[in-house]
Amino acid sequence: MADLHFELVTPEKLVRSEDVYMVVVPGTEGDFGVLAGHAPVMSTIRDGELSVYRTAGAEPERIAIEGGFAEVGDRGLTVLAEKASA
């Protein structure tokens, strides 16, 4: 499967821009995983942790985030967080 392009952005800077296998996002309606080819969706996010899987079966890297939005589109996943500590 092709890689998912993932970007994490705060008001201050672009925190991450990389190709990964999967990201699990803490949505306000529940956590959701995003792989390459995911249907377009937009969601608000709650305070929590993004789980970033660089490859299938890898241990996730966890990034604490606070509030914001997540958008999945043709170009991949973009998380616009109020705060992120990577």
PDB file of N, CA and C in Angstrom:
ATOM      1  N   MET A   1       0.844  -1.181   0.000  1.00  0.00           N
ATOM      2  CA  MET A   1       0.000   0.000   0.000  1.00  0.00           C
ATOM      3  C   MET A   1       0.887   1.242   0.000  1.00  0.00           C
ATOM      4  N   ALA A   2       0.434   2.270  -0.703  1.00  0.00           N
ATOM      5  CA  ALA A   2       1.180   3.523  -0.779  1.00  0.00           C
ATOM      6  C   ALA A   2       1.213   4.205   0.583  1.00  0.00           C
ATOM      7  N   ASP A   3       2.192   5.075   0.761  1.00  0.00           N
ATOM      8  CA  ASP A   3       2.314   5.800   2.012  1.00  0.00           C
ATOM      9  C   ASP A   3       1.291   6.929   2.098  1.00  0.00           C
ATOM     10  N   LEU A   4       0.982   7.287   3.335  1.00  0.00           N
ATOM     11  CA  LEU A   4       0.083   8.400   3.637  1.00  0.00           C
ATOM     12  C   LEU A   4       0.926   9.639   3.891  1.00  0.00           C
ATOM     13  N   HIS A   5       0.620  10.743   3.198  1.00  0.00           N
ATOM     14  CA  HIS A   5       1.328  11.988   3.497  1.00  0.00           C
ATOM     15  C   HIS A   5       0.658  12.638   4.706  1.00  0.00           C
ATOM     16  N   PHE A   6       1.448  12.932   5.741  1.00  0.00           N
ATOM     17  CA  PHE A   6       0.957  13.458   7.009  1.00  0.00           C
ATOM     18  C   PHE A   6       1.623  14.792   7.311  1.00  0.00           C
ATOM     19  N   GLU A   7       0.786  15.783   7.651  1.00  0.00           N
ATOM     20  CA  GLU A   7       1.302  17.080   8.087  1.00  0.00           C
ATOM     21  C   GLU A   7       0.649  17.459   9.396  1.00  0.00           C
ATOM     22  N   LEU A   8       1.468  17.947  10.325  1.00  0.00           N
ATOM     23  CA  LEU A   8       1.008  18.460  11.606  1.00  0.00           C
ATOM     24  C   LEU A   8       1.416  19.921  11.668  1.00  0.00           C
ATOM     25  N   VAL A   9       0.416  20.799  11.833  1.00  0.00           N
ATOM     26  CA  VAL A   9       0.646  22.239  11.788  1.00  0.00           C
ATOM     27  C   VAL A   9       0.046  22.886  13.029  1.00  0.00           C
ATOM     28  N   THR A  10       0.794  23.833  13.621  1.00  0.00           N
ATOM     29  CA  THR A  10       0.282  24.663  14.717  1.00  0.00           C
ATOM     30  C   THR A  10       0.277  26.100  14.215  1.00  0.00           C
ATOM     31  N   PRO A  11      -0.326  27.025  14.954  1.00  0.00           N
ATOM     32  CA  PRO A  11      -0.283  28.425  14.513  1.00  0.00           C
ATOM     33  C   PRO A  11       1.145  28.970  14.381  1.00  0.00           C
ATOM     34  N   GLU A  12       2.090  28.387  15.115  1.00  0.00           N
ATOM     35  CA  GLU A  12       3.461  28.873  15.083  1.00  0.00           C
ATOM     36  C   GLU A  12       4.301  28.318  13.944  1.00  0.00           C
ATOM     37  N   LYS A  13       4.063  27.022  13.586  1.00  0.00           N
ATOM     38  CA  LYS A  13       4.962  26.403  12.608  1.00  0.00           C
ATOM     39  C   LYS A  13       4.412  25.098  12.057  1.00  0.00           C
ATOM     40  N   LEU A  14       5.077  24.626  11.014  1.00  0.00           N
ATOM     41  CA  LEU A  14       4.852  23.287  10.485  1.00  0.00           C
ATOM     42  C   LEU A  14       5.683  22.348  11.346  1.00  0.00           C
ATOM     43  N   VAL A  15       5.030  21.482  12.107  1.00  0.00           N
ATOM     44  CA  VAL A  15       5.721  20.591  13.041  1.00  0.00           C
ATOM     45  C   VAL A  15       6.248  19.358  12.325  1.00  0.00           C
ATOM     46  N   ARG A  16       5.429  18.755  11.462  1.00  0.00           N
ATOM     47  CA  ARG A  16       5.812  17.541  10.731  1.00  0.00           C
ATOM     48  C   ARG A  16       5.270  17.605   9.315  1.00  0.00           C
ATOM     49  N   SER A  17       6.014  17.047   8.404  1.00  0.00           N
ATOM     50  CA  SER A  17       5.562  16.834   7.028  1.00  0.00           C
ATOM     51  C   SER A  17       6.336  15.621   6.539  1.00  0.00           C
ATOM     52  N   GLU A  18       5.652  14.459   6.505  1.00  0.00           N
ATOM     53  CA  GLU A  18       6.344  13.223   6.165  1.00  0.00           C
ATOM     54  C   GLU A  18       5.363  12.177   5.654  1.00  0.00           C
ATOM     55  N   ASP A  19       5.908  11.149   5.024  1.00  0.00           N
ATOM     56  CA  ASP A  19       5.107  10.018   4.579  1.00  0.00           C
ATOM     57  C   ASP A  19       5.187   8.928   5.640  1.00  0.00           C
ATOM     58  N   VAL A  20       4.030   8.426   6.054  1.00  0.00           N
ATOM     59  CA  VAL A  20       3.946   7.407   7.103  1.00  0.00           C
ATOM     60  C   VAL A  20       2.979   6.316   6.646  1.00  0.00           C
ATOM     61  N   TYR A  21       2.872   5.263   7.448  1.00  0.00           N
ATOM     62  CA  TYR A  21       1.947   4.178   7.139  1.00  0.00           C
ATOM     63  C   TYR A  21       0.528   4.516   7.598  1.00  0.00           C
ATOM     64  N   MET A  22       0.390   4.967   8.867  1.00  0.00           N
ATOM     65  CA  MET A  22      -0.930   5.243   9.425  1.00  0.00           C
ATOM     66  C   MET A  22      -0.814   6.236  10.574  1.00  0.00           C
ATOM     67  N   VAL A  23      -1.891   7.012  10.772  1.00  0.00           N
ATOM     68  CA  VAL A  23      -1.983   7.918  11.916  1.00  0.00           C
ATOM     69  C   VAL A  23      -3.339   7.693  12.576  1.00  0.00           C
ATOM     70  N   VAL A  24      -3.345   7.567  13.906  1.00  0.00           N
ATOM     71  CA  VAL A  24      -4.588   7.483  14.666  1.00  0.00           C
ATOM     72  C   VAL A  24      -4.799   8.846  15.320  1.00  0.00           C
ATOM     73  N   VAL A  25      -5.966   9.439  15.041  1.00  0.00           N
ATOM     74  CA  VAL A  25      -6.289  10.800  15.456  1.00  0.00           C
ATOM     75  C   VAL A  25      -7.349  10.777  16.561  1.00  0.00           C
ATOM     76  N   PRO A  26      -7.175  11.584  17.622  1.00  0.00           N
ATOM     77  CA  PRO A  26      -8.186  11.654  18.681  1.00  0.00           C
ATOM     78  C   PRO A  26      -9.329  12.603  18.292  1.00  0.00           C
ATOM     79  N   GLY A  27     -10.281  12.114  17.525  1.00  0.00           N
ATOM     80  CA  GLY A  27     -11.415  12.932  17.107  1.00  0.00           C
ATOM     81  C   GLY A  27     -12.386  13.166  18.260  1.00  0.00           C
ATOM     82  N   THR A  28     -13.176  14.208  18.169  1.00  0.00           N
ATOM     83  CA  THR A  28     -14.143  14.493  19.235  1.00  0.00           C
ATOM     84  C   THR A  28     -15.230  13.430  19.308  1.00  0.00           C
ATOM     85  N   GLU A  29     -15.473  12.711  18.214  1.00  0.00           N
ATOM     86  CA  GLU A  29     -16.466  11.638  18.203  1.00  0.00           C
ATOM     87  C   GLU A  29     -15.829  10.274  18.425  1.00  0.00           C
ATOM     88  N   GLY A  30     -14.538  10.262  18.697  1.00  0.00           N
ATOM     89  CA  GLY A  30     -13.805   9.015  18.905  1.00  0.00           C
ATOM     90  C   GLY A  30     -12.553   8.969  18.059  1.00  0.00           C
ATOM     91  N   ASP A  31     -11.628   8.100  18.436  1.00  0.00           N
ATOM     92  CA  ASP A  31     -10.378   7.962  17.691  1.00  0.00           C
ATOM     93  C   ASP A  31     -10.661   7.356  16.318  1.00  0.00           C
ATOM     94  N   PHE A  32      -9.889   7.791  15.319  1.00  0.00           N
ATOM     95  CA  PHE A  32     -10.013   7.183  13.988  1.00  0.00           C
ATOM     96  C   PHE A  32      -8.639   7.067  13.348  1.00  0.00           C
ATOM     97  N   GLY A  33      -8.447   5.959  12.644  1.00  0.00           N
ATOM     98  CA  GLY A  33      -7.188   5.701  11.960  1.00  0.00           C
ATOM     99  C   GLY A  33      -7.275   6.107  10.504  1.00  0.00           C
ATOM    100  N   VAL A  34      -6.171   6.641   9.990  1.00  0.00           N
ATOM    101  CA  VAL A  34      -6.114   7.087   8.601  1.00  0.00           C
ATOM    102  C   VAL A  34      -4.957   6.386   7.906  1.00  0.00           C
ATOM    103  N   LEU A  35      -5.290   5.691   6.821  1.00  0.00           N
ATOM    104  CA  LEU A  35      -4.310   5.044   5.941  1.00  0.00           C
ATOM    105  C   LEU A  35      -4.370   5.732   4.579  1.00  0.00           C
ATOM    106  N   ALA A  36      -3.392   5.482   3.736  1.00  0.00           N
ATOM    107  CA  ALA A  36      -3.433   5.994   2.364  1.00  0.00           C
ATOM    108  C   ALA A  36      -4.723   5.532   1.698  1.00  0.00           C
ATOM    109  N   GLY A  37      -5.346   6.394   0.923  1.00  0.00           N
ATOM    110  CA  GLY A  37      -6.576   6.049   0.231  1.00  0.00           C
ATOM    111  C   GLY A  37      -7.840   6.232   1.057  1.00  0.00           C
ATOM    112  N   HIS A  38      -7.717   6.778   2.269  1.00  0.00           N
ATOM    113  CA  HIS A  38      -8.879   7.011   3.135  1.00  0.00           C
ATOM    114  C   HIS A  38      -9.857   7.967   2.451  1.00  0.00           C
ATOM    115  N   ALA A  39     -11.133   7.761   2.674  1.00  0.00           N
ATOM    116  CA  ALA A  39     -12.158   8.652   2.129  1.00  0.00           C
ATOM    117  C   ALA A  39     -11.985  10.055   2.713  1.00  0.00           C
ATOM    118  N   PRO A  40     -12.297  11.093   1.954  1.00  0.00           N
ATOM    119  CA  PRO A  40     -12.196  12.453   2.471  1.00  0.00           C
ATOM    120  C   PRO A  40     -13.096  12.650   3.689  1.00  0.00           C
ATOM    121  N   VAL A  41     -12.556  13.322   4.694  1.00  0.00           N
ATOM    122  CA  VAL A  41     -13.315  13.592   5.917  1.00  0.00           C
ATOM    123  C   VAL A  41     -12.680  14.777   6.627  1.00  0.00           C
ATOM    124  N   MET A  42     -13.492  15.486   7.397  1.00  0.00           N
ATOM    125  CA  MET A  42     -12.982  16.560   8.243  1.00  0.00           C
ATOM    126  C   MET A  42     -13.579  16.354   9.621  1.00  0.00           C
ATOM    127  N   SER A  43     -12.766  16.537  10.666  1.00  0.00           N
ATOM    128  CA  SER A  43     -13.222  16.303  12.028  1.00  0.00           C
ATOM    129  C   SER A  43     -12.548  17.285  12.977  1.00  0.00           C
ATOM    130  N   THR A  44     -13.273  17.664  14.019  1.00  0.00           N
ATOM    131  CA  THR A  44     -12.617  18.376  15.110  1.00  0.00           C
ATOM    132  C   THR A  44     -11.866  17.345  15.933  1.00  0.00           C
ATOM    133  N   ILE A  45     -10.837  17.788  16.621  1.00  0.00           N
ATOM    134  CA  ILE A  45     -10.062  16.877  17.444  1.00  0.00           C
ATOM    135  C   ILE A  45     -10.062  17.351  18.886  1.00  0.00           C
ATOM    136  N   ARG A  46      -9.934  16.381  19.789  1.00  0.00           N
ATOM    137  CA  ARG A  46      -9.898  16.702  21.214  1.00  0.00           C
ATOM    138  C   ARG A  46      -8.444  16.634  21.699  1.00  0.00           C
ATOM    139  N   ASP A  47      -8.197  17.141  22.876  1.00  0.00           N
ATOM    140  CA  ASP A  47      -6.876  17.020  23.483  1.00  0.00           C
ATOM    141  C   ASP A  47      -6.554  15.541  23.625  1.00  0.00           C
ATOM    142  N   GLY A  48      -5.355  15.158  23.268  1.00  0.00           N
ATOM    143  CA  GLY A  48      -4.958  13.752  23.351  1.00  0.00           C
ATOM    144  C   GLY A  48      -3.639  13.533  22.652  1.00  0.00           C
ATOM    145  N   GLU A  49      -3.486  12.350  22.071  1.00  0.00           N
ATOM    146  CA  GLU A  49      -2.246  11.996  21.395  1.00  0.00           C
ATOM    147  C   GLU A  49      -2.521  11.471  19.994  1.00  0.00           C
ATOM    148  N   LEU A  50      -1.716  11.945  19.051  1.00  0.00           N
ATOM    149  CA  LEU A  50      -1.673  11.329  17.732  1.00  0.00           C
ATOM    150  C   LEU A  50      -0.755  10.124  17.853  1.00  0.00           C
ATOM    151  N   SER A  51      -1.124   9.027  17.241  1.00  0.00           N
ATOM    152  CA  SER A  51      -0.248   7.856  17.174  1.00  0.00           C
ATOM    153  C   SER A  51       0.196   7.715  15.725  1.00  0.00           C
ATOM    154  N   VAL A  52       1.496   7.896  15.494  1.00  0.00           N
ATOM    155  CA  VAL A  52       2.043   7.885  14.137  1.00  0.00           C
ATOM    156  C   VAL A  52       2.814   6.583  13.929  1.00  0.00           C
ATOM    157  N   TYR A  53       2.352   5.782  12.982  1.00  0.00           N
ATOM    158  CA  TYR A  53       2.989   4.509  12.637  1.00  0.00           C
ATOM    159  C   TYR A  53       3.795   4.723  11.355  1.00  0.00           C
ATOM    160  N   ARG A  54       5.108   4.653  11.457  1.00  0.00           N
ATOM    161  CA  ARG A  54       5.962   4.878  10.282  1.00  0.00           C
ATOM    162  C   ARG A  54       5.852   3.733   9.279  1.00  0.00           C
ATOM    163  N   THR A  55       5.701   2.501   9.784  1.00  0.00           N
ATOM    164  CA  THR A  55       5.551   1.325   8.926  1.00  0.00           C
ATOM    165  C   THR A  55       4.510   0.403   9.546  1.00  0.00           C
ATOM    166  N   ALA A  56       4.004  -0.538   8.750  1.00  0.00           N
ATOM    167  CA  ALA A  56       3.036  -1.515   9.256  1.00  0.00           C
ATOM    168  C   ALA A  56       3.686  -2.336  10.355  1.00  0.00           C
ATOM    169  N   GLY A  57       3.006  -2.490  11.475  1.00  0.00           N
ATOM    170  CA  GLY A  57       3.514  -3.294  12.573  1.00  0.00           C
ATOM    171  C   GLY A  57       4.508  -2.601  13.483  1.00  0.00           C
ATOM    172  N   ALA A  58       4.867  -1.358  13.168  1.00  0.00           N
ATOM    173  CA  ALA A  58       5.827  -0.619  13.988  1.00  0.00           C
ATOM    174  C   ALA A  58       5.159  -0.100  15.258  1.00  0.00           C
ATOM    175  N   GLU A  59       5.965   0.172  16.275  1.00  0.00           N
ATOM    176  CA  GLU A  59       5.457   0.832  17.476  1.00  0.00           C
ATOM    177  C   GLU A  59       5.143   2.279  17.111  1.00  0.00           C
ATOM    178  N   PRO A  60       4.028   2.824  17.601  1.00  0.00           N
ATOM    179  CA  PRO A  60       3.689   4.193  17.230  1.00  0.00           C
ATOM    180  C   PRO A  60       4.521   5.230  17.977  1.00  0.00           C
ATOM    181  N   GLU A  61       4.760   6.326  17.294  1.00  0.00           N
ATOM    182  CA  GLU A  61       5.323   7.514  17.942  1.00  0.00           C
ATOM    183  C   GLU A  61       4.120   8.327  18.401  1.00  0.00           C
ATOM    184  N   ARG A  62       4.131   8.786  19.625  1.00  0.00           N
ATOM    185  CA  ARG A  62       2.990   9.524  20.161  1.00  0.00           C
ATOM    186  C   ARG A  62       3.331  11.004  20.262  1.00  0.00           C
ATOM    187  N   ILE A  63       2.399  11.821  19.782  1.00  0.00           N
ATOM    188  CA  ILE A  63       2.573  13.271  19.800  1.00  0.00           C
ATOM    189  C   ILE A  63       1.378  13.877  20.518  1.00  0.00           C
ATOM    190  N   ALA A  64       1.629  14.566  21.627  1.00  0.00           N
ATOM    191  CA  ALA A  64       0.555  15.218  22.373  1.00  0.00           C
ATOM    192  C   ALA A  64       0.062  16.439  21.602  1.00  0.00           C
ATOM    193  N   ILE A  65      -1.272  16.543  21.486  1.00  0.00           N
ATOM    194  CA  ILE A  65      -1.864  17.694  20.802  1.00  0.00           C
ATOM    195  C   ILE A  65      -3.014  18.246  21.634  1.00  0.00           C
ATOM    196  N   GLU A  66      -3.343  19.501  21.362  1.00  0.00           N
ATOM    197  CA  GLU A  66      -4.481  20.142  22.015  1.00  0.00           C
ATOM    198  C   GLU A  66      -5.352  20.793  20.953  1.00  0.00           C
ATOM    199  N   GLY A  67      -6.614  20.392  20.910  1.00  0.00           N
ATOM    200  CA  GLY A  67      -7.625  21.010  20.054  1.00  0.00           C
ATOM    201  C   GLY A  67      -7.256  21.143  18.587  1.00  0.00           C
ATOM    202  N   GLY A  68      -8.231  21.514  17.792  1.00  0.00           N
ATOM    203  CA  GLY A  68      -8.000  21.783  16.384  1.00  0.00           C
ATOM    204  C   GLY A  68      -8.874  20.958  15.458  1.00  0.00           C
ATOM    205  N   PHE A  69      -8.361  20.728  14.257  1.00  0.00           N
ATOM    206  CA  PHE A  69      -9.092  20.038  13.203  1.00  0.00           C
ATOM    207  C   PHE A  69      -8.184  19.042  12.498  1.00  0.00           C
ATOM    208  N   ALA A  70      -8.786  18.020  11.922  1.00  0.00           N
ATOM    209  CA  ALA A  70      -8.071  17.072  11.065  1.00  0.00           C
ATOM    210  C   ALA A  70      -8.820  17.004   9.744  1.00  0.00           C
ATOM    211  N   GLU A  71      -8.067  17.013   8.653  1.00  0.00           N
ATOM    212  CA  GLU A  71      -8.678  16.908   7.325  1.00  0.00           C
ATOM    213  C   GLU A  71      -7.956  15.837   6.522  1.00  0.00           C
ATOM    214  N   VAL A  72      -8.749  14.915   5.976  1.00  0.00           N
ATOM    215  CA  VAL A  72      -8.223  13.900   5.074  1.00  0.00           C
ATOM    216  C   VAL A  72      -8.716  14.257   3.685  1.00  0.00           C
ATOM    217  N   GLY A  73      -7.781  14.364   2.760  1.00  0.00           N
ATOM    218  CA  GLY A  73      -8.135  14.697   1.383  1.00  0.00           C
ATOM    219  C   GLY A  73      -7.238  13.956   0.412  1.00  0.00           C
ATOM    220  N   ASP A  74      -7.262  14.381  -0.837  1.00  0.00           N
ATOM    221  CA  ASP A  74      -6.462  13.743  -1.878  1.00  0.00           C
ATOM    222  C   ASP A  74      -4.967  13.782  -1.575  1.00  0.00           C
ATOM    223  N   ARG A  75      -4.527  14.810  -0.848  1.00  0.00           N
ATOM    224  CA  ARG A  75      -3.100  14.977  -0.563  1.00  0.00           C
ATOM    225  C   ARG A  75      -2.664  14.289   0.719  1.00  0.00           C
ATOM    226  N   GLY A  76      -3.596  13.682   1.452  1.00  0.00           N
ATOM    227  CA  GLY A  76      -3.247  12.983   2.687  1.00  0.00           C
ATOM    228  C   GLY A  76      -3.972  13.554   3.887  1.00  0.00           C
ATOM    229  N   LEU A  77      -3.322  13.462   5.062  1.00  0.00           N
ATOM    230  CA  LEU A  77      -3.892  13.906   6.330  1.00  0.00           C
ATOM    231  C   LEU A  77      -3.186  15.163   6.804  1.00  0.00           C
ATOM    232  N   THR A  78      -3.970  16.186   7.099  1.00  0.00           N
ATOM    233  CA  THR A  78      -3.437  17.410   7.700  1.00  0.00           C
ATOM    234  C   THR A  78      -4.119  17.607   9.042  1.00  0.00           C
ATOM    235  N   VAL A  79      -3.320  17.750  10.097  1.00  0.00           N
ATOM    236  CA  VAL A  79      -3.837  18.036  11.432  1.00  0.00           C
ATOM    237  C   VAL A  79      -3.434  19.466  11.775  1.00  0.00           C
ATOM    238  N   LEU A  80      -4.444  20.298  12.018  1.00  0.00           N
ATOM    239  CA  LEU A  80      -4.234  21.680  12.423  1.00  0.00           C
ATOM    240  C   LEU A  80      -4.517  21.752  13.904  1.00  0.00           C
ATOM    241  N   ALA A  81      -3.481  21.719  14.733  1.00  0.00           N
ATOM    242  CA  ALA A  81      -3.628  21.668  16.172  1.00  0.00           C
ATOM    243  C   ALA A  81      -3.332  23.017  16.810  1.00  0.00           C
ATOM    244  N   GLU A  82      -4.035  23.333  17.888  1.00  0.00           N
ATOM    245  CA  GLU A  82      -3.756  24.558  18.615  1.00  0.00           C
ATOM    246  C   GLU A  82      -2.366  24.491  19.251  1.00  0.00           C
ATOM    247  N   LYS A  83      -2.003  23.308  19.771  1.00  0.00           N
ATOM    248  CA  LYS A  83      -0.677  23.085  20.357  1.00  0.00           C
ATOM    249  C   LYS A  83      -0.249  21.652  20.062  1.00  0.00           C
ATOM    250  N   ALA A  84       1.043  21.462  19.910  1.00  0.00           N
ATOM    251  CA  ALA A  84       1.590  20.112  19.708  1.00  0.00           C
ATOM    252  C   ALA A  84       2.964  20.054  20.356  1.00  0.00           C
ATOM    253  N   SER A  85       3.232  18.952  21.047  1.00  0.00           N
ATOM    254  CA  SER A  85       4.571  18.762  21.616  1.00  0.00           C
ATOM    255  C   SER A  85       5.143  17.467  21.064  1.00  0.00           C
ATOM    256  N   ALA A  86       5.940  17.637  20.022  1.00  0.00           N
ATOM    257  CA  ALA A  86       6.501  16.491  19.313  1.00  0.00           C
ATOM    258  C   ALA A  86       7.839  16.080  19.883  1.00  0.00           C
TER     259      ALA A  86
END
